[in-house]
Amino acid sequence: MFINIEDETGISNLVIWPTVYEKNQRIIHAAHMLLIEGKVLRVGQLVHLVVGKLTDLSDQLARISKEAEPFPLPHGRGDECHHGGGSPDSRDRPKRQPRDIFIPDLPIDTLKLKPRNFR
């Protein structure tokens, strides 16, 4: 199972193997806040977290709102109320045309692909 999580630094993918999923199925589907322990794998800018252990911290979620100081909320790129709509939006940029990578004299045997092993 794959789950996407996001914070102020970007998006990460949780990789949950079947054995871990079977042990933690109730937590995965019912928890509102999770503690995730596992191994971080980074391929370029892509980040995967292979889950080893999940803990349900839903009972701690209510405590956050009762703290003496306000819980600081980081403002991301998508927060137009905070930024006033002045931030550049990548969707407004003109679309790049795909490049033609066909090379007629290049035999297929000379192409070297870099494998990705996430284990």
PDB file of N, CA and C in Angstrom:
ATOM      1  N   MET A   1       0.858  -1.165   0.000  1.00  0.00           N
ATOM      2  CA  MET A   1       0.000   0.000   0.000  1.00  0.00           C
ATOM      3  C   MET A   1       0.898   1.220   0.000  1.00  0.00           C
ATOM      4  N   PHE A   2       0.488   2.255  -0.731  1.00  0.00           N
ATOM      5  CA  PHE A   2       1.200   3.518  -0.758  1.00  0.00           C
ATOM      6  C   PHE A   2       0.295   4.588  -0.156  1.00  0.00           C
ATOM      7  N   ILE A   3       0.869   5.444   0.664  1.00  0.00           N
ATOM      8  CA  ILE A   3       0.158   6.597   1.225  1.00  0.00           C
ATOM      9  C   ILE A   3       1.047   7.807   0.999  1.00  0.00           C
ATOM     10  N   ASN A   4       0.477   8.900   0.527  1.00  0.00           N
ATOM     11  CA  ASN A   4       1.222  10.141   0.365  1.00  0.00           C
ATOM     12  C   ASN A   4       1.038  10.998   1.597  1.00  0.00           C
ATOM     13  N   ILE A   5       2.133  11.543   2.111  1.00  0.00           N
ATOM     14  CA  ILE A   5       2.075  12.487   3.220  1.00  0.00           C
ATOM     15  C   ILE A   5       2.782  13.758   2.772  1.00  0.00           C
ATOM     16  N   GLU A   6       2.401  14.878   3.385  1.00  0.00           N
ATOM     17  CA  GLU A   6       2.964  16.155   2.980  1.00  0.00           C
ATOM     18  C   GLU A   6       3.190  17.027   4.199  1.00  0.00           C
ATOM     19  N   ASP A   7       4.289  17.747   4.188  1.00  0.00           N
ATOM     20  CA  ASP A   7       4.540  18.773   5.191  1.00  0.00           C
ATOM     21  C   ASP A   7       5.119  19.989   4.475  1.00  0.00           C
ATOM     22  N   GLU A   8       5.688  20.902   5.240  1.00  0.00           N
ATOM     23  CA  GLU A   8       6.179  22.134   4.629  1.00  0.00           C
ATOM     24  C   GLU A   8       7.384  21.907   3.722  1.00  0.00           C
ATOM     25  N   THR A   9       8.027  20.752   3.799  1.00  0.00           N
ATOM     26  CA  THR A   9       9.185  20.473   2.954  1.00  0.00           C
ATOM     27  C   THR A   9       8.811  19.774   1.651  1.00  0.00           C
ATOM     28  N   GLY A  10       7.606  19.217   1.566  1.00  0.00           N
ATOM     29  CA  GLY A  10       7.188  18.563   0.337  1.00  0.00           C
ATOM     30  C   GLY A  10       6.412  17.285   0.587  1.00  0.00           C
ATOM     31  N   ILE A  11       6.295  16.485  -0.462  1.00  0.00           N
ATOM     32  CA  ILE A  11       5.510  15.257  -0.419  1.00  0.00           C
ATOM     33  C   ILE A  11       6.442  14.059  -0.274  1.00  0.00           C
ATOM     34  N   SER A  12       6.029  13.100   0.532  1.00  0.00           N
ATOM     35  CA  SER A  12       6.743  11.832   0.682  1.00  0.00           C
ATOM     36  C   SER A  12       5.756  10.692   0.497  1.00  0.00           C
ATOM     37  N   ASN A  13       6.277   9.547   0.135  1.00  0.00           N
ATOM     38  CA  ASN A  13       5.449   8.366  -0.062  1.00  0.00           C
ATOM     39  C   ASN A  13       5.729   7.363   1.048  1.00  0.00           C
ATOM     40  N   LEU A  14       4.677   6.885   1.682  1.00  0.00           N
ATOM     41  CA  LEU A  14       4.817   5.796   2.635  1.00  0.00           C
ATOM     42  C   LEU A  14       4.664   4.495   1.867  1.00  0.00           C
ATOM     43  N   VAL A  15       5.599   3.594   2.037  1.00  0.00           N
ATOM     44  CA  VAL A  15       5.525   2.272   1.423  1.00  0.00           C
ATOM     45  C   VAL A  15       5.234   1.294   2.551  1.00  0.00           C
ATOM     46  N   ILE A  16       4.065   0.653   2.486  1.00  0.00           N
ATOM     47  CA  ILE A  16       3.647  -0.260   3.540  1.00  0.00           C
ATOM     48  C   ILE A  16       3.564  -1.662   2.934  1.00  0.00           C
ATOM     49  N   TRP A  17       4.475  -2.530   3.363  1.00  0.00           N
ATOM     50  CA  TRP A  17       4.496  -3.893   2.862  1.00  0.00           C
ATOM     51  C   TRP A  17       3.295  -4.663   3.409  1.00  0.00           C
ATOM     52  N   PRO A  18       2.856  -5.726   2.731  1.00  0.00           N
ATOM     53  CA  PRO A  18       1.650  -6.460   3.150  1.00  0.00           C
ATOM     54  C   PRO A  18       1.676  -6.959   4.596  1.00  0.00           C
ATOM     55  N   THR A  19       2.820  -7.414   5.077  1.00  0.00           N
ATOM     56  CA  THR A  19       2.874  -7.913   6.459  1.00  0.00           C
ATOM     57  C   THR A  19       2.641  -6.791   7.464  1.00  0.00           C
ATOM     58  N   VAL A  20       3.198  -5.613   7.208  1.00  0.00           N
ATOM     59  CA  VAL A  20       3.000  -4.459   8.097  1.00  0.00           C
ATOM     60  C   VAL A  20       1.557  -3.975   7.991  1.00  0.00           C
ATOM     61  N   TYR A  21       1.001  -3.991   6.779  1.00  0.00           N
ATOM     62  CA  TYR A  21      -0.386  -3.568   6.591  1.00  0.00           C
ATOM     63  C   TYR A  21      -1.341  -4.467   7.364  1.00  0.00           C
ATOM     64  N   GLU A  22      -1.140  -5.768   7.303  1.00  0.00           N
ATOM     65  CA  GLU A  22      -2.028  -6.701   8.005  1.00  0.00           C
ATOM     66  C   GLU A  22      -1.997  -6.491   9.511  1.00  0.00           C
ATOM     67  N   LYS A  23      -0.822  -6.215  10.073  1.00  0.00           N
ATOM     68  CA  LYS A  23      -0.703  -5.982  11.511  1.00  0.00           C
ATOM     69  C   LYS A  23      -1.324  -4.655  11.946  1.00  0.00           C
ATOM     70  N   ASN A  24      -1.324  -3.656  11.057  1.00  0.00           N
ATOM     71  CA  ASN A  24      -1.722  -2.295  11.428  1.00  0.00           C
ATOM     72  C   ASN A  24      -2.921  -1.781  10.640  1.00  0.00           C
ATOM     73  N   GLN A  25      -3.713  -2.654  10.082  1.00  0.00           N
ATOM     74  CA  GLN A  25      -4.824  -2.245   9.222  1.00  0.00           C
ATOM     75  C   GLN A  25      -5.800  -1.317   9.939  1.00  0.00           C
ATOM     76  N   ARG A  26      -6.161  -1.617  11.180  1.00  0.00           N
ATOM     77  CA  ARG A  26      -7.092  -0.774  11.922  1.00  0.00           C
ATOM     78  C   ARG A  26      -6.509   0.621  12.151  1.00  0.00           C
ATOM     79  N   ILE A  27      -5.240   0.695  12.509  1.00  0.00           N
ATOM     80  CA  ILE A  27      -4.585   1.983  12.743  1.00  0.00           C
ATOM     81  C   ILE A  27      -4.537   2.797  11.457  1.00  0.00           C
ATOM     82  N   ILE A  28      -4.180   2.164  10.355  1.00  0.00           N
ATOM     83  CA  ILE A  28      -4.052   2.859   9.075  1.00  0.00           C
ATOM     84  C   ILE A  28      -5.367   3.499   8.664  1.00  0.00           C
ATOM     85  N   HIS A  29      -6.475   2.805   8.850  1.00  0.00           N
ATOM     86  CA  HIS A  29      -7.768   3.301   8.378  1.00  0.00           C
ATOM     87  C   HIS A  29      -8.496   4.188   9.382  1.00  0.00           C
ATOM     88  N   ALA A  30      -8.135   4.114  10.671  1.00  0.00           N
ATOM     89  CA  ALA A  30      -8.913   4.839  11.676  1.00  0.00           C
ATOM     90  C   ALA A  30      -8.179   6.012  12.325  1.00  0.00           C
ATOM     91  N   ALA A  31      -6.865   6.023  12.308  1.00  0.00           N
ATOM     92  CA  ALA A  31      -6.111   7.043  13.045  1.00  0.00           C
ATOM     93  C   ALA A  31      -6.200   8.406  12.370  1.00  0.00           C
ATOM     94  N   HIS A  32      -6.254   9.442  13.198  1.00  0.00           N
ATOM     95  CA  HIS A  32      -6.244  10.822  12.699  1.00  0.00           C
ATOM     96  C   HIS A  32      -4.840  11.421  12.759  1.00  0.00           C
ATOM     97  N   MET A  33      -3.981  10.841  13.598  1.00  0.00           N
ATOM     98  CA  MET A  33      -2.586  11.270  13.682  1.00  0.00           C
ATOM     99  C   MET A  33      -1.732  10.025  13.928  1.00  0.00           C
ATOM    100  N   LEU A  34      -0.682   9.882  13.127  1.00  0.00           N
ATOM    101  CA  LEU A  34       0.162   8.687  13.174  1.00  0.00           C
ATOM    102  C   LEU A  34       1.594   9.037  13.534  1.00  0.00           C
ATOM    103  N   LEU A  35       2.233   8.151  14.278  1.00  0.00           N
ATOM    104  CA  LEU A  35       3.677   8.166  14.444  1.00  0.00           C
ATOM    105  C   LEU A  35       4.195   7.069  13.532  1.00  0.00           C
ATOM    106  N   ILE A  36       5.067   7.435  12.604  1.00  0.00           N
ATOM    107  CA  ILE A  36       5.557   6.492  11.604  1.00  0.00           C
ATOM    108  C   ILE A  36       7.053   6.321  11.794  1.00  0.00           C
ATOM    109  N   GLU A  37       7.471   5.089  11.952  1.00  0.00           N
ATOM    110  CA  GLU A  37       8.889   4.776  12.061  1.00  0.00           C
ATOM    111  C   GLU A  37       9.260   3.867  10.906  1.00  0.00           C
ATOM    112  N   GLY A  38      10.408   4.132  10.298  1.00  0.00           N
ATOM    113  CA  GLY A  38      10.830   3.309   9.183  1.00  0.00           C
ATOM    114  C   GLY A  38      12.132   3.785   8.592  1.00  0.00           C
ATOM    115  N   LYS A  39      12.404   3.331   7.394  1.00  0.00           N
ATOM    116  CA  LYS A  39      13.641   3.630   6.699  1.00  0.00           C
ATOM    117  C   LYS A  39      13.374   4.630   5.582  1.00  0.00           C
ATOM    118  N   VAL A  40      14.138   5.711   5.545  1.00  0.00           N
ATOM    119  CA  VAL A  40      13.981   6.744   4.521  1.00  0.00           C
ATOM    120  C   VAL A  40      14.839   6.387   3.312  1.00  0.00           C
ATOM    121  N   LEU A  41      14.217   6.396   2.143  1.00  0.00           N
ATOM    122  CA  LEU A  41      14.919   6.159   0.884  1.00  0.00           C
ATOM    123  C   LEU A  41      14.734   7.393   0.017  1.00  0.00           C
ATOM    124  N   ARG A  42      15.829   7.937  -0.483  1.00  0.00           N
ATOM    125  CA  ARG A  42      15.765   9.139  -1.308  1.00  0.00           C
ATOM    126  C   ARG A  42      16.361   8.827  -2.675  1.00  0.00           C
ATOM    127  N   VAL A  43      15.579   9.113  -3.714  1.00  0.00           N
ATOM    128  CA  VAL A  43      16.041   8.955  -5.091  1.00  0.00           C
ATOM    129  C   VAL A  43      15.851  10.315  -5.749  1.00  0.00           C
ATOM    130  N   GLY A  44      16.933  11.077  -5.869  1.00  0.00           N
ATOM    131  CA  GLY A  44      16.822  12.437  -6.382  1.00  0.00           C
ATOM    132  C   GLY A  44      16.013  13.269  -5.411  1.00  0.00           C
ATOM    133  N   GLN A  45      14.940  13.870  -5.893  1.00  0.00           N
ATOM    134  CA  GLN A  45      14.073  14.650  -5.013  1.00  0.00           C
ATOM    135  C   GLN A  45      12.893  13.833  -4.501  1.00  0.00           C
ATOM    136  N   LEU A  46      12.787  12.594  -4.926  1.00  0.00           N
ATOM    137  CA  LEU A  46      11.702  11.718  -4.506  1.00  0.00           C
ATOM    138  C   LEU A  46      12.072  11.047  -3.191  1.00  0.00           C
ATOM    139  N   VAL A  47      11.174  11.132  -2.186  1.00  0.00           N
ATOM    140  CA  VAL A  47      11.447  10.573  -0.869  1.00  0.00           C
ATOM    141  C   VAL A  47      10.414   9.496  -0.561  1.00  0.00           C
ATOM    142  N   HIS A  48      10.897   8.320  -0.177  1.00  0.00           N
ATOM    143  CA  HIS A  48      10.038   7.219   0.243  1.00  0.00           C
ATOM    144  C   HIS A  48      10.359   6.900   1.693  1.00  0.00           C
ATOM    145  N   LEU A  49       9.349   6.541   2.447  1.00  0.00           N
ATOM    146  CA  LEU A  49       9.537   6.058   3.809  1.00  0.00           C
ATOM    147  C   LEU A  49       8.951   4.657   3.862  1.00  0.00           C
ATOM    148  N   VAL A  50       9.822   3.646   4.004  1.00  0.00           N
ATOM    149  CA  VAL A  50       9.374   2.265   4.110  1.00  0.00           C
ATOM    150  C   VAL A  50       8.989   2.051   5.573  1.00  0.00           C
ATOM    151  N   VAL A  51       7.696   1.851   5.804  1.00  0.00           N
ATOM    152  CA  VAL A  51       7.149   1.807   7.157  1.00  0.00           C
ATOM    153  C   VAL A  51       7.542   0.517   7.851  1.00  0.00           C
ATOM    154  N   GLY A  52       8.067   0.673   9.074  1.00  0.00           N
ATOM    155  CA  GLY A  52       8.394  -0.475   9.898  1.00  0.00           C
ATOM    156  C   GLY A  52       7.430  -0.606  11.060  1.00  0.00           C
ATOM    157  N   LYS A  53       7.001   0.546  11.614  1.00  0.00           N
ATOM    158  CA  LYS A  53       6.121   0.534  12.778  1.00  0.00           C
ATOM    159  C   LYS A  53       5.187   1.743  12.718  1.00  0.00           C
ATOM    160  N   LEU A  54       3.921   1.520  13.041  1.00  0.00           N
ATOM    161  CA  LEU A  54       2.912   2.582  13.093  1.00  0.00           C
ATOM    162  C   LEU A  54       2.327   2.645  14.495  1.00  0.00           C
ATOM    163  N   THR A  55       2.134   3.864  15.003  1.00  0.00           N
ATOM    164  CA  THR A  55       1.524   4.061  16.311  1.00  0.00           C
ATOM    165  C   THR A  55       0.404   5.084  16.167  1.00  0.00           C
ATOM    166  N   ASP A  56      -0.757   4.787  16.738  1.00  0.00           N
ATOM    167  CA  ASP A  56      -1.906   5.686  16.699  1.00  0.00           C
ATOM    168  C   ASP A  56      -1.737   6.763  17.775  1.00  0.00           C
ATOM    169  N   LEU A  57      -1.643   8.027  17.345  1.00  0.00           N
ATOM    170  CA  LEU A  57      -1.514   9.148  18.276  1.00  0.00           C
ATOM    171  C   LEU A  57      -2.749  10.040  18.241  1.00  0.00           C
ATOM    172  N   SER A  58      -3.892   9.486  17.867  1.00  0.00           N
ATOM    173  CA  SER A  58      -5.119  10.277  17.763  1.00  0.00           C
ATOM    174  C   SER A  58      -5.495  10.926  19.086  1.00  0.00           C
ATOM    175  N   ASP A  59      -5.220  10.259  20.204  1.00  0.00           N
ATOM    176  CA  ASP A  59      -5.549  10.841  21.505  1.00  0.00           C
ATOM    177  C   ASP A  59      -4.691  12.063  21.808  1.00  0.00           C
ATOM    178  N   GLN A  60      -3.520  12.182  21.208  1.00  0.00           N
ATOM    179  CA  GLN A  60      -2.650  13.343  21.406  1.00  0.00           C
ATOM    180  C   GLN A  60      -3.093  14.553  20.580  1.00  0.00           C
ATOM    181  N   LEU A  61      -3.902  14.312  19.565  1.00  0.00           N
ATOM    182  CA  LEU A  61      -4.324  15.385  18.670  1.00  0.00           C
ATOM    183  C   LEU A  61      -5.147  16.439  19.404  1.00  0.00           C
ATOM    184  N   ALA A  62      -6.012  16.042  20.318  1.00  0.00           N
ATOM    185  CA  ALA A  62      -6.824  16.989  21.073  1.00  0.00           C
ATOM    186  C   ALA A  62      -5.952  17.829  22.006  1.00  0.00           C
ATOM    187  N   ARG A  63      -4.873  17.251  22.519  1.00  0.00           N
ATOM    188  CA  ARG A  63      -3.981  17.967  23.423  1.00  0.00           C
ATOM    189  C   ARG A  63      -3.274  19.129  22.725  1.00  0.00           C
ATOM    190  N   ILE A  64      -3.022  18.998  21.447  1.00  0.00           N
ATOM    191  CA  ILE A  64      -2.331  20.053  20.699  1.00  0.00           C
ATOM    192  C   ILE A  64      -3.129  21.350  20.739  1.00  0.00           C
ATOM    193  N   SER A  65      -4.449  21.255  20.596  1.00  0.00           N
ATOM    194  CA  SER A  65      -5.271  22.463  20.568  1.00  0.00           C
ATOM    195  C   SER A  65      -5.435  23.089  21.944  1.00  0.00           C
ATOM    196  N   LYS A  66      -5.078  22.375  23.013  1.00  0.00           N
ATOM    197  CA  LYS A  66      -5.230  22.904  24.365  1.00  0.00           C
ATOM    198  C   LYS A  66      -3.932  23.463  24.929  1.00  0.00           C
ATOM    199  N   GLU A  67      -2.889  23.532  24.127  1.00  0.00           N
ATOM    200  CA  GLU A  67      -1.603  24.062  24.583  1.00  0.00           C
ATOM    201  C   GLU A  67      -1.752  25.547  24.927  1.00  0.00           C
ATOM    202  N   ALA A  68      -0.899  26.028  25.824  1.00  0.00           N
ATOM    203  CA  ALA A  68      -0.948  27.428  26.262  1.00  0.00           C
ATOM    204  C   ALA A  68      -0.648  28.376  25.107  1.00  0.00           C
ATOM    205  N   GLU A  69       0.319  28.023  24.276  1.00  0.00           N
ATOM    206  CA  GLU A  69       0.658  28.867  23.135  1.00  0.00           C
ATOM    207  C   GLU A  69      -0.038  28.327  21.892  1.00  0.00           C
ATOM    208  N   PRO A  70      -0.379  29.211  20.968  1.00  0.00           N
ATOM    209  CA  PRO A  70      -1.022  28.720  19.742  1.00  0.00           C
ATOM    210  C   PRO A  70      -0.080  27.823  18.951  1.00  0.00           C
ATOM    211  N   PHE A  71      -0.658  26.820  18.343  1.00  0.00           N
ATOM    212  CA  PHE A  71       0.101  25.881  17.528  1.00  0.00           C
ATOM    213  C   PHE A  71       0.503  26.593  16.240  1.00  0.00           C
ATOM    214  N   PRO A  72       1.810  26.732  15.955  1.00  0.00           N
ATOM    215  CA  PRO A  72       2.222  27.490  14.760  1.00  0.00           C
ATOM    216  C   PRO A  72       1.886  26.741  13.482  1.00  0.00           C
ATOM    217  N   LEU A  73       1.225  27.403  12.595  1.00  0.00           N
ATOM    218  CA  LEU A  73       0.876  26.810  11.304  1.00  0.00           C
ATOM    219  C   LEU A  73       1.770  27.413  10.228  1.00  0.00           C
ATOM    220  N   PRO A  74       2.587  26.601   9.568  1.00  0.00           N
ATOM    221  CA  PRO A  74       3.397  27.140   8.478  1.00  0.00           C
ATOM    222  C   PRO A  74       2.503  27.440   7.285  1.00  0.00           C
ATOM    223  N   HIS A  75       2.838  28.480   6.577  1.00  0.00           N
ATOM    224  CA  HIS A  75       2.059  28.849   5.404  1.00  0.00           C
ATOM    225  C   HIS A  75       2.793  28.355   4.169  1.00  0.00           C
ATOM    226  N   GLY A  76       2.112  27.548   3.393  1.00  0.00           N
ATOM    227  CA  GLY A  76       2.712  26.971   2.202  1.00  0.00           C
ATOM    228  C   GLY A  76       2.418  27.793   0.970  1.00  0.00           C
ATOM    229  N   ARG A  77       2.875  27.286  -0.175  1.00  0.00           N
ATOM    230  CA  ARG A  77       2.665  27.982  -1.442  1.00  0.00           C
ATOM    231  C   ARG A  77       1.190  28.142  -1.766  1.00  0.00           C
ATOM    232  N   GLY A  78       0.375  27.174  -1.351  1.00  0.00           N
ATOM    233  CA  GLY A  78      -1.031  27.192  -1.722  1.00  0.00           C
ATOM    234  C   GLY A  78      -1.896  28.066  -0.839  1.00  0.00           C
ATOM    235  N   ASP A  79      -1.304  28.748   0.134  1.00  0.00           N
ATOM    236  CA  ASP A  79      -2.093  29.566   1.051  1.00  0.00           C
ATOM    237  C   ASP A  79      -2.254  30.961   0.476  1.00  0.00           C
ATOM    238  N   GLU A  80      -3.246  31.140  -0.381  1.00  0.00           N
ATOM    239  CA  GLU A  80      -3.468  32.419  -1.046  1.00  0.00           C
ATOM    240  C   GLU A  80      -3.935  33.506  -0.085  1.00  0.00           C
ATOM    241  N   CYS A  81      -4.608  33.114   1.005  1.00  0.00           N
ATOM    242  CA  CYS A  81      -5.047  34.124   1.977  1.00  0.00           C
ATOM    243  C   CYS A  81      -3.841  34.773   2.635  1.00  0.00           C
ATOM    244  N   HIS A  82      -2.839  33.992   2.949  1.00  0.00           N
ATOM    245  CA  HIS A  82      -1.641  34.522   3.607  1.00  0.00           C
ATOM    246  C   HIS A  82      -0.806  35.340   2.627  1.00  0.00           C
ATOM    247  N   HIS A  83      -0.665  34.854   1.407  1.00  0.00           N
ATOM    248  CA  HIS A  83       0.184  35.510   0.417  1.00  0.00           C
ATOM    249  C   HIS A  83      -0.559  36.573  -0.388  1.00  0.00           C
ATOM    250  N   GLY A  84      -1.850  36.647  -0.264  1.00  0.00           N
ATOM    251  CA  GLY A  84      -2.609  37.652  -0.995  1.00  0.00           C
ATOM    252  C   GLY A  84      -2.696  37.403  -2.481  1.00  0.00           C
ATOM    253  N   GLY A  85      -2.475  36.197  -2.912  1.00  0.00           N
ATOM    254  CA  GLY A  85      -2.611  35.886  -4.336  1.00  0.00           C
ATOM    255  C   GLY A  85      -1.457  36.383  -5.172  1.00  0.00           C
ATOM    256  N   GLY A  86      -0.388  36.899  -4.553  1.00  0.00           N
ATOM    257  CA  GLY A  86       0.709  37.466  -5.315  1.00  0.00           C
ATOM    258  C   GLY A  86       1.803  36.479  -5.677  1.00  0.00           C
ATOM    259  N   SER A  87       1.728  35.276  -5.146  1.00  0.00           N
ATOM    260  CA  SER A  87       2.799  34.319  -5.424  1.00  0.00           C
ATOM    261  C   SER A  87       2.654  33.775  -6.838  1.00  0.00           C
ATOM    262  N   PRO A  88       3.780  33.541  -7.528  1.00  0.00           N
ATOM    263  CA  PRO A  88       3.673  32.988  -8.883  1.00  0.00           C
ATOM    264  C   PRO A  88       3.162  31.555  -8.843  1.00  0.00           C
ATOM    265  N   ASP A  89       2.259  31.275  -9.717  1.00  0.00           N
ATOM    266  CA  ASP A  89       1.666  29.950  -9.788  1.00  0.00           C
ATOM    267  C   ASP A  89       2.244  29.231 -10.996  1.00  0.00           C
ATOM    268  N   SER A  90       2.826  28.052 -10.765  1.00  0.00           N
ATOM    269  CA  SER A  90       3.466  27.318 -11.860  1.00  0.00           C
ATOM    270  C   SER A  90       2.461  26.897 -12.931  1.00  0.00           C
ATOM    271  N   ARG A  91       1.178  26.848 -12.581  1.00  0.00           N
ATOM    272  CA  ARG A  91       0.169  26.461 -13.574  1.00  0.00           C
ATOM    273  C   ARG A  91      -0.082  27.568 -14.589  1.00  0.00           C
ATOM    274  N   ASP A  92       0.338  28.806 -14.282  1.00  0.00           N
ATOM    275  CA  ASP A  92       0.138  29.923 -15.200  1.00  0.00           C
ATOM    276  C   ASP A  92       1.241  30.035 -16.250  1.00  0.00           C
ATOM    277  N   ARG A  93       2.345  29.330 -16.056  1.00  0.00           N
ATOM    278  CA  ARG A  93       3.444  29.389 -17.014  1.00  0.00           C
ATOM    279  C   ARG A  93       3.054  28.687 -18.304  1.00  0.00           C
ATOM    280  N   PRO A  94       3.613  29.126 -19.425  1.00  0.00           N
ATOM    281  CA  PRO A  94       3.314  28.419 -20.678  1.00  0.00           C
ATOM    282  C   PRO A  94       3.855  26.996 -20.629  1.00  0.00           C
ATOM    283  N   LYS A  95       3.125  26.092 -21.231  1.00  0.00           N
ATOM    284  CA  LYS A  95       3.500  24.681 -21.237  1.00  0.00           C
ATOM    285  C   LYS A  95       4.672  24.464 -22.190  1.00  0.00           C
ATOM    286  N   ARG A  96       5.636  23.623 -21.746  1.00  0.00           N
ATOM    287  CA  ARG A  96       6.763  23.282 -22.611  1.00  0.00           C
ATOM    288  C   ARG A  96       6.341  22.194 -23.586  1.00  0.00           C
ATOM    289  N   GLN A  97       6.840  22.296 -24.776  1.00  0.00           N
ATOM    290  CA  GLN A  97       6.560  21.281 -25.782  1.00  0.00           C
ATOM    291  C   GLN A  97       7.454  20.072 -25.520  1.00  0.00           C
ATOM    292  N   PRO A  98       6.925  18.860 -25.664  1.00  0.00           N
ATOM    293  CA  PRO A  98       7.769  17.678 -25.465  1.00  0.00           C
ATOM    294  C   PRO A  98       8.872  17.630 -26.516  1.00  0.00           C
ATOM    295  N   ARG A  99      10.036  17.172 -26.102  1.00  0.00           N
ATOM    296  CA  ARG A  99      11.161  17.064 -27.020  1.00  0.00           C
ATOM    297  C   ARG A  99      11.109  15.722 -27.737  1.00  0.00           C
ATOM    298  N   ASP A 100      11.512  15.736 -28.965  1.00  0.00           N
ATOM    299  CA  ASP A 100      11.594  14.507 -29.741  1.00  0.00           C
ATOM    300  C   ASP A 100      12.958  13.890 -29.467  1.00  0.00           C
ATOM    301  N   ILE A 101      12.973  12.718 -28.861  1.00  0.00           N
ATOM    302  CA  ILE A 101      14.241  12.098 -28.513  1.00  0.00           C
ATOM    303  C   ILE A 101      14.607  10.945 -29.460  1.00  0.00           C
ATOM    304  N   PHE A 102      13.908  10.846 -30.566  1.00  0.00           N
ATOM    305  CA  PHE A 102      14.203   9.791 -31.533  1.00  0.00           C
ATOM    306  C   PHE A 102      15.526  10.089 -32.221  1.00  0.00           C
ATOM    307  N   ILE A 103      16.443   9.137 -32.155  1.00  0.00           N
ATOM    308  CA  ILE A 103      17.727   9.255 -32.845  1.00  0.00           C
ATOM    309  C   ILE A 103      17.813   8.043 -33.764  1.00  0.00           C
ATOM    310  N   PRO A 104      17.694   8.253 -35.086  1.00  0.00           N
ATOM    311  CA  PRO A 104      17.577   7.115 -36.008  1.00  0.00           C
ATOM    312  C   PRO A 104      18.792   6.195 -36.024  1.00  0.00           C
ATOM    313  N   ASP A 105      20.005   6.699 -35.810  1.00  0.00           N
ATOM    314  CA  ASP A 105      21.204   5.857 -35.920  1.00  0.00           C
ATOM    315  C   ASP A 105      21.629   5.253 -34.582  1.00  0.00           C
ATOM    316  N   LEU A 106      20.865   5.437 -33.534  1.00  0.00           N
ATOM    317  CA  LEU A 106      21.250   4.945 -32.218  1.00  0.00           C
ATOM    318  C   LEU A 106      20.621   3.576 -31.974  1.00  0.00           C
ATOM    319  N   PRO A 107      21.442   2.521 -31.903  1.00  0.00           N
ATOM    320  CA  PRO A 107      20.876   1.192 -31.626  1.00  0.00           C
ATOM    321  C   PRO A 107      20.354   1.121 -30.184  1.00  0.00           C
ATOM    322  N   ILE A 108      19.316   0.368 -29.992  1.00  0.00           N
ATOM    323  CA  ILE A 108      18.674   0.253 -28.680  1.00  0.00           C
ATOM    324  C   ILE A 108      19.616  -0.358 -27.642  1.00  0.00           C
ATOM    325  N   ASP A 109      20.602  -1.137 -28.064  1.00  0.00           N
ATOM    326  CA  ASP A 109      21.537  -1.783 -27.152  1.00  0.00           C
ATOM    327  C   ASP A 109      22.449  -0.781 -26.441  1.00  0.00           C
ATOM    328  N   THR A 110      22.612   0.407 -26.988  1.00  0.00           N
ATOM    329  CA  THR A 110      23.513   1.378 -26.375  1.00  0.00           C
ATOM    330  C   THR A 110      22.843   2.198 -25.275  1.00  0.00           C
ATOM    331  N   LEU A 111      21.534   2.077 -25.135  1.00  0.00           N
ATOM    332  CA  LEU A 111      20.841   2.812 -24.081  1.00  0.00           C
ATOM    333  C   LEU A 111      21.092   2.128 -22.740  1.00  0.00           C
ATOM    334  N   LYS A 112      21.453   2.907 -21.727  1.00  0.00           N
ATOM    335  CA  LYS A 112      21.691   2.366 -20.393  1.00  0.00           C
ATOM    336  C   LYS A 112      20.708   3.025 -19.441  1.00  0.00           C
ATOM    337  N   LEU A 113      19.858   2.194 -18.861  1.00  0.00           N
ATOM    338  CA  LEU A 113      18.869   2.690 -17.917  1.00  0.00           C
ATOM    339  C   LEU A 113      19.352   2.413 -16.505  1.00  0.00           C
ATOM    340  N   LYS A 114      19.154   3.395 -15.641  1.00  0.00           N
ATOM    341  CA  LYS A 114      19.552   3.247 -14.244  1.00  0.00           C
ATOM    342  C   LYS A 114      18.393   2.620 -13.475  1.00  0.00           C
ATOM    343  N   PRO A 115      18.606   1.410 -12.914  1.00  0.00           N
ATOM    344  CA  PRO A 115      17.513   0.760 -12.175  1.00  0.00           C
ATOM    345  C   PRO A 115      17.317   1.419 -10.811  1.00  0.00           C
ATOM    346  N   ARG A 116      16.107   1.330 -10.293  1.00  0.00           N
ATOM    347  CA  ARG A 116      15.792   1.838  -8.962  1.00  0.00           C
ATOM    348  C   ARG A 116      15.319   0.685  -8.105  1.00  0.00           C
ATOM    349  N   ASN A 117      16.053   0.394  -7.065  1.00  0.00           N
ATOM    350  CA  ASN A 117      15.692  -0.672  -6.137  1.00  0.00           C
ATOM    351  C   ASN A 117      15.309  -0.031  -4.812  1.00  0.00           C
ATOM    352  N   PHE A 118      14.048  -0.110  -4.426  1.00  0.00           N
ATOM    353  CA  PHE A 118      13.553   0.548  -3.234  1.00  0.00           C
ATOM    354  C   PHE A 118      13.580  -0.359  -2.004  1.00  0.00           C
ATOM    355  N   ARG A 119      14.236  -1.470  -2.087  1.00  0.00           N
ATOM    356  CA  ARG A 119      14.310  -2.376  -0.923  1.00  0.00           C
ATOM    357  C   ARG A 119      15.483  -2.063  -0.072  1.00  0.00           C
TER     358      ARG A 119
END
